[in-house]
Protein backbone atom coordinates (compact mmCIF):
# COMPACT_ATOMS: atom_id res chain seq x y z
CA MET A 1 17.52 226.01 174.64
CA ILE A 2 19.40 227.64 171.83
CA ILE A 3 22.68 226.29 170.30
CA ALA A 4 25.48 228.67 168.16
CA VAL A 5 26.97 226.42 165.17
CA ASP A 6 30.71 227.83 163.70
CA ALA A 7 29.28 227.81 160.05
CA GLU A 8 32.95 228.01 159.09
CA GLY A 9 34.73 225.27 160.85
CA GLY A 10 35.71 222.39 159.12
CA ASP A 11 36.31 220.46 156.00
CA TYR A 12 33.17 220.61 154.47
CA ALA A 13 32.10 223.81 155.98
CA PRO A 14 29.49 225.34 155.32
CA ARG A 15 27.13 223.49 153.63
CA GLU A 16 26.99 220.67 155.36
CA ILE A 17 27.31 222.37 158.72
CA VAL A 18 24.16 224.18 157.65
CA ARG A 19 22.44 220.85 156.57
CA GLY A 20 23.51 218.62 159.78
CA ALA A 21 22.14 222.48 161.88
CA ILE A 22 18.66 221.36 159.26
CA GLU A 23 18.78 218.05 160.20
CA ALA A 24 19.27 218.91 164.44
CA VAL A 25 16.19 221.53 164.19
CA ARG A 26 13.90 219.14 163.13
CA GLU A 27 14.78 216.48 165.51
CA TYR A 28 15.48 218.27 168.48
CA PRO A 29 13.68 220.70 170.45
CA VAL A 30 16.26 223.52 170.30
CA GLU A 31 17.19 226.29 168.36
CA VAL A 32 20.60 226.90 166.48
CA VAL A 33 22.59 230.43 165.49
CA LEU A 34 24.84 230.07 162.37
CA VAL A 35 28.19 231.74 163.09
CA GLY A 36 29.77 233.16 159.61
CA ARG A 37 29.53 234.59 156.70
CA LYS A 38 25.32 236.30 156.47
CA ALA A 39 25.35 236.82 152.92
CA LEU A 40 26.44 232.82 151.85
CA LEU A 41 24.47 231.52 154.94
CA GLU A 42 21.38 232.87 154.27
CA MET A 43 22.02 231.79 150.06
CA LEU A 44 22.15 227.81 151.81
CA LEU A 45 19.55 228.21 154.19
CA ARG A 46 16.99 229.70 151.34
CA ARG A 47 18.31 226.46 149.46
CA TYR A 48 17.98 224.12 152.22
CA SER A 49 15.07 224.74 154.19
CA ARG A 50 12.09 227.25 154.62
CA ARG A 51 11.64 226.23 158.18
CA SER A 52 12.13 228.91 161.16
CA GLY A 53 14.83 227.75 164.69
CA ILE A 54 17.53 228.79 162.72
CA THR A 55 18.88 232.40 163.07
CA ILE A 56 22.68 234.29 161.60
CA ALA A 57 25.24 235.63 163.89
CA ASP A 58 27.29 237.79 160.66
CA ALA A 59 31.02 237.00 161.47
CA THR A 60 33.51 238.16 158.51
CA GLU A 61 36.67 236.70 159.12
CA VAL A 62 37.81 232.76 159.51
CA VAL A 63 40.55 230.99 161.24
CA ARG A 64 42.15 228.52 158.79
CA GLY A 65 43.41 225.21 159.91
CA ASP A 66 47.04 225.93 158.85
CA GLU A 67 47.13 229.01 161.06
CA GLU A 68 48.95 229.51 164.40
CA PRO A 69 45.97 229.78 167.21
CA ILE A 70 47.03 232.30 169.55
CA GLN A 71 48.00 234.52 166.79
CA ALA A 72 44.98 233.81 164.45
CA VAL A 73 42.20 234.07 166.99
CA GLN A 74 43.87 237.61 168.23
CA SER A 75 44.07 239.30 165.19
CA LYS A 76 40.88 238.00 163.45
CA PRO A 77 38.71 239.02 166.84
CA ASN A 78 35.46 238.50 163.75
CA SER A 79 36.17 235.14 163.30
CA SER A 80 33.20 232.56 163.24
CA VAL A 81 34.86 231.31 166.23
CA ALA A 82 35.50 234.06 168.21
CA VAL A 83 32.16 235.13 167.63
CA GLY A 84 30.44 231.83 168.91
CA VAL A 85 32.66 231.39 172.10
CA ARG A 86 31.44 235.25 172.81
CA LEU A 87 28.11 234.52 172.37
CA VAL A 88 28.30 231.63 175.18
CA ARG A 89 30.15 234.35 177.45
CA ASP A 90 27.05 236.78 176.74
CA GLY A 91 24.40 234.25 177.93
CA ALA A 92 22.82 234.58 174.06
CA VAL A 93 23.33 231.11 173.27
CA ASP A 94 23.28 227.94 175.82
CA GLY A 95 26.27 226.09 174.08
CA PHE A 96 28.78 226.08 171.07
CA VAL A 97 29.79 223.31 168.25
CA SER A 98 32.45 224.36 166.16
CA ALA A 99 34.52 221.47 163.55
CA GLY A 100 37.02 224.07 163.39
CA SER A 101 40.77 224.36 164.55
CA THR A 102 40.90 222.75 167.72
CA GLY A 103 43.54 224.81 168.77
CA ALA A 104 41.70 227.79 167.76
CA ILE A 105 38.47 226.77 169.58
CA VAL A 106 40.35 226.23 172.95
CA VAL A 107 42.50 229.86 172.62
CA ALA A 108 39.02 231.53 171.89
CA SER A 109 37.52 230.19 174.66
CA PHE A 110 40.44 230.42 177.27
CA LEU A 111 40.32 234.02 176.01
CA ASN A 112 36.69 234.69 176.36
CA LEU A 113 35.87 231.93 179.76
CA LYS A 114 36.41 231.70 183.24
CA MET A 115 38.08 228.66 184.50
CA VAL A 116 35.81 227.05 186.99
CA PRO A 117 36.78 228.16 190.49
CA GLY A 118 39.41 225.07 191.30
CA ILE A 119 40.51 223.40 188.12
CA GLU A 120 44.05 224.42 186.85
CA ARG A 121 43.68 223.07 183.33
CA MET A 122 40.63 222.73 180.87
CA ALA A 123 40.45 219.19 179.52
CA VAL A 124 38.95 217.47 175.69
CA CYS A 125 37.02 214.64 176.89
CA ALA A 126 35.96 212.63 173.80
CA VAL A 127 32.71 210.35 173.96
CA ALA A 128 33.09 206.64 171.81
CA ASP A 129 30.50 203.62 171.80
CA LEU A 130 33.09 201.57 172.38
CA ASN A 131 32.36 197.45 173.61
CA GLN A 132 29.81 198.00 176.08
CA PRO A 133 26.33 199.13 176.64
CA GLN A 134 27.21 202.58 177.60
CA PRO A 135 29.91 205.16 175.88
CA THR A 136 33.30 205.66 177.25
CA LEU A 137 34.45 209.08 178.04
CA ILE A 138 38.20 209.26 176.80
CA ILE A 139 40.45 212.47 178.66
CA ASP A 140 42.47 214.42 177.92
CA VAL A 141 42.16 213.75 174.01
CA GLY A 142 44.61 216.97 173.11
CA VAL A 143 44.74 219.82 175.17
CA ASN A 144 47.26 219.08 178.06
CA VAL A 145 50.51 217.54 176.99
CA ASN A 146 51.92 218.02 179.67
CA CYS A 147 50.81 217.16 182.84
CA LYS A 148 50.99 216.82 186.46
CA PRO A 149 49.07 214.45 188.73
CA ILE A 150 46.65 217.00 190.61
CA PHE A 151 45.93 217.71 186.46
CA LEU A 152 45.04 214.00 186.06
CA VAL A 153 43.11 213.95 189.11
CA GLN A 154 40.78 216.78 188.08
CA PHE A 155 40.18 215.58 184.32
CA ALA A 156 39.01 212.33 186.37
CA GLN A 157 36.70 214.92 188.24
CA LEU A 158 35.33 216.62 185.55
CA ALA A 159 34.63 213.73 183.06
CA SER A 160 32.67 211.69 185.69
CA ILE A 161 30.41 214.90 186.27
CA LEU A 162 29.76 214.60 182.11
CA ALA A 163 29.19 210.77 182.62
CA THR A 164 26.72 210.79 185.51
CA HIS A 165 24.48 214.30 184.78
CA VAL A 166 24.58 214.03 180.59
CA LEU A 167 25.08 210.39 180.30
CA GLU A 168 22.98 209.30 183.03
CA ILE A 169 26.20 206.21 183.93
CA ASP A 170 25.37 205.69 187.52
CA SER A 171 29.19 205.84 189.65
CA PRO A 172 31.18 205.69 186.83
CA ARG A 173 34.65 204.13 187.07
CA VAL A 174 37.70 205.60 186.60
CA GLY A 175 40.46 203.93 184.80
CA LEU A 176 44.17 205.45 184.59
CA LEU A 177 45.73 204.36 181.54
CA ASN A 178 49.27 202.81 182.19
CA VAL A 179 51.28 200.24 180.99
CA GLY A 180 49.98 198.04 183.47
CA GLU A 181 47.73 197.49 186.26
CA GLU A 182 50.26 197.34 189.15
CA GLU A 183 50.08 200.62 191.38
CA LEU A 184 54.09 201.04 191.26
CA LYS A 185 53.81 200.76 187.01
CA GLY A 186 54.18 203.65 184.60
CA SER A 187 55.75 207.14 184.58
CA ASN A 188 56.12 209.42 187.75
CA LEU A 189 53.46 210.90 186.65
CA ALA A 190 51.38 207.92 186.43
CA ARG A 191 52.02 206.04 189.58
CA GLU A 192 51.08 209.74 191.28
CA ALA A 193 48.19 210.35 189.86
CA HIS A 194 47.39 206.58 190.76
CA GLN A 195 47.94 207.37 194.36
CA MET A 196 45.80 210.75 193.78
CA LEU A 197 42.69 209.12 192.31
CA LYS A 198 43.08 206.42 195.37
CA ARG A 199 42.02 208.66 198.11
CA THR A 200 39.06 211.25 195.69
CA ALA A 201 35.35 210.13 196.54
CA LEU A 202 35.83 208.75 192.29
CA ASN A 203 34.28 205.40 191.46
CA PHE A 204 38.56 204.69 190.86
CA ILE A 205 39.16 200.83 189.77
CA GLY A 206 42.81 201.41 189.50
CA ASN A 207 45.20 201.21 185.82
CA ILE A 208 43.85 200.00 182.63
CA GLU A 209 46.03 198.87 180.11
CA GLY A 210 45.60 199.97 176.02
CA PHE A 211 43.73 196.23 175.18
CA ASP A 212 40.88 197.46 178.15
CA VAL A 213 39.88 200.26 176.04
CA LEU A 214 37.88 198.55 173.83
CA ARG A 215 36.86 195.93 176.19
CA GLY A 216 34.70 198.24 178.30
CA ARG A 217 36.49 197.55 181.59
CA ALA A 218 36.41 201.53 182.48
CA ASP A 219 33.23 204.41 181.54
CA ILE A 220 36.16 206.95 182.09
CA VAL A 221 39.97 206.93 180.73
CA VAL A 222 42.33 209.12 182.12
CA THR A 223 45.49 210.18 180.55
CA ASP A 224 47.30 213.01 179.46
CA GLY A 225 46.84 215.06 175.83
CA PHE A 226 49.24 213.67 174.53
CA THR A 227 48.57 210.20 175.38
CA GLY A 228 44.51 210.54 174.94
CA ASN A 229 45.09 212.15 171.18
CA VAL A 230 46.85 209.05 169.93
CA LEU A 231 44.45 206.82 171.58
CA ILE A 232 41.65 208.41 170.28
CA LYS A 233 42.64 208.83 166.42
CA THR A 234 44.23 204.92 166.58
CA ILE A 235 40.46 204.02 167.20
CA GLU A 236 39.51 206.20 164.51
CA GLY A 237 41.52 204.50 161.97
CA TYR A 238 41.05 200.86 163.14
CA SER A 239 37.27 201.60 162.64
CA GLU A 240 37.47 203.15 159.28
CA VAL A 241 39.94 200.68 157.72
CA VAL A 242 37.61 197.85 159.32
CA GLN A 243 34.60 199.54 157.64
CA GLU A 244 36.86 199.99 154.34
CA LEU A 245 37.09 195.80 154.54
CA LEU A 246 33.61 195.53 155.93
CA LYS A 247 32.39 197.37 152.36
CA LEU A 248 34.55 195.80 150.24
CA GLY A 249 32.71 192.56 151.70
CA GLU A 250 29.29 193.66 151.48
CA ALA A 251 30.55 194.61 147.58
CA ALA A 252 31.90 191.13 147.23
CA HIS A 253 28.17 189.98 148.92
CA ILE A 254 30.09 188.09 151.60
CA ASP A 255 27.37 187.77 153.68
CA ARG A 256 25.75 185.11 151.34
CA TYR A 257 28.53 183.01 151.76
CA LEU A 258 29.07 183.02 155.65
CA THR A 259 26.27 180.80 158.06
CA GLY A 260 25.93 180.30 161.69
CA PRO A 261 28.69 181.33 164.03
CA ALA A 262 30.88 183.02 161.32
CA LEU A 263 27.84 185.01 159.88
CA ALA A 264 27.10 186.09 163.52
CA GLN A 265 30.67 187.43 164.25
CA TYR A 266 30.69 189.25 160.76
CA VAL A 267 27.29 190.85 161.73
CA GLN A 268 28.77 191.92 165.50
CA LEU A 269 31.45 193.02 163.92
CA SER A 270 29.89 195.62 161.44
CA SER A 271 28.01 196.31 164.62
CA VAL A 272 30.78 197.34 167.27
CA VAL A 273 32.96 199.20 164.16
CA LYS A 274 29.70 201.39 163.14
CA LYS A 275 29.94 201.94 167.22
CA LEU A 276 33.29 203.55 166.55
CA ASP A 277 32.49 205.85 164.19
CA TYR A 278 32.98 209.61 165.33
CA LYS A 279 29.87 210.72 163.38
CA GLU A 280 27.78 208.53 166.50
CA TYR A 281 28.51 210.90 168.60
CA GLY A 282 29.59 214.21 166.83
CA GLY A 283 31.83 215.84 169.41
CA ALA A 284 34.43 215.70 172.24
CA CYS A 285 33.21 218.42 175.34
CA LEU A 286 36.06 220.81 176.55
CA LEU A 287 35.26 220.84 180.14
CA GLY A 288 36.68 223.27 183.01
CA LEU A 289 35.37 226.54 181.62
CA GLU A 290 32.00 227.91 182.59
CA GLY A 291 30.33 227.70 178.78
CA ASN A 292 29.84 224.82 177.43
CA ILE A 293 31.51 224.38 174.04
CA VAL A 294 31.67 220.95 172.31
CA ILE A 295 34.51 220.22 169.36
CA ALA A 296 33.33 218.04 166.46
CA HIS A 297 35.59 216.37 164.27
CA GLY A 298 37.54 218.91 161.69
CA ARG A 299 35.85 216.02 158.65
CA SER A 300 32.27 216.15 159.91
CA ARG A 301 29.37 215.99 157.83
CA ALA A 302 25.63 216.87 158.50
CA ARG A 303 24.93 213.73 160.54
CA ALA A 304 28.08 214.65 162.66
CA ILE A 305 27.14 217.98 162.97
CA ARG A 306 23.47 217.53 164.33
CA ASN A 307 24.94 214.76 166.61
CA ALA A 308 27.39 217.20 168.19
CA ILE A 309 24.22 219.83 168.77
CA TYR A 310 22.38 217.05 170.57
CA LEU A 311 25.43 217.15 172.43
CA ALA A 312 25.59 220.35 173.22
CA TYR A 313 21.84 220.39 174.18
CA LEU A 314 22.15 217.80 176.62
CA SER A 315 25.32 219.06 178.02
CA ALA A 316 23.53 222.66 178.59
CA LYS A 317 19.79 220.86 179.83
CA GLN A 318 21.71 219.16 182.05
CA GLY A 319 23.25 221.75 183.77
CA ILE A 320 27.05 220.56 182.79
CA VAL A 321 28.78 223.86 183.70
CA GLU A 322 26.56 224.29 186.90
CA ALA A 323 27.43 220.73 187.74
CA VAL A 324 31.43 221.17 187.61
CA LYS A 325 31.17 224.71 189.30
CA ALA A 326 29.15 223.10 192.06
CA GLY A 327 31.94 220.15 192.93
CA VAL A 328 29.89 217.55 192.87
CA TYR A 329 33.16 214.88 192.40
CA ALA A 330 35.22 216.89 194.67
CA SER A 331 38.04 215.04 195.93
CA GLU A 332 39.06 214.75 199.46
């Protein structure tokens, strides 16, 4: 299994990307192709590791986060993100991971990879370990700001395939994010999507509200890209704030003064917040295209990159693209 990794993308590229790649080949049955400036990457590899399993694909250009994605991708055909996606397109690698500009990744993927027949829009599906035994998927978290009801239905189908084939969740529960549980609540988009989801073969449990997300009521949270992006960033912000508070508590050795139920709740809170950390899963899957693309967090360090590579590896191993093309959860 070969996974290409954008060595130029993200706030801590290329050093943390290289370290994450080294950790991945040490821990998983995977080879990594680092995509970026060859001379610099060769120097970093000599410094950090002499292990085999890592090769380099030269990419002489970089798409910066402040560049307009379409213009940047089209004007920089030798950028690391463009080269990495083309490696997927050409079948040279089994997946591509990038912590670079999400817009650039989406544009490069759209320009180089075919849409899966029957799917009208690609979507970013985030994997989050919320307060339940298995992970929760949130789709879409950023690509489609303006949606039609059929898009939300297809998002639910895509996420259900990912949940079943990659995360091995049996009959994943699909919830439509809304302002109330009643069928007639919400916008026209939500009401129409609700009725369409009821007619599919999905395990649709109806509308869920914001407070249901962290309670683990659904395995899949379906929404438009605007709302999903706000939701995932709110969860991330909550996690970071509480982690900072917990660090202050640890510095003050607060656990020494807690006993019984209070100590148990403190330990439980620490565990839950750690699960919410984006570094635990490392990335989100770009679904709907004939290619295995994982978008990592822009602030990813080595651990997050390692985990993003593992997510791409699992997606390739379980044949997520082939499962989507087969229409396992095609609507009736």
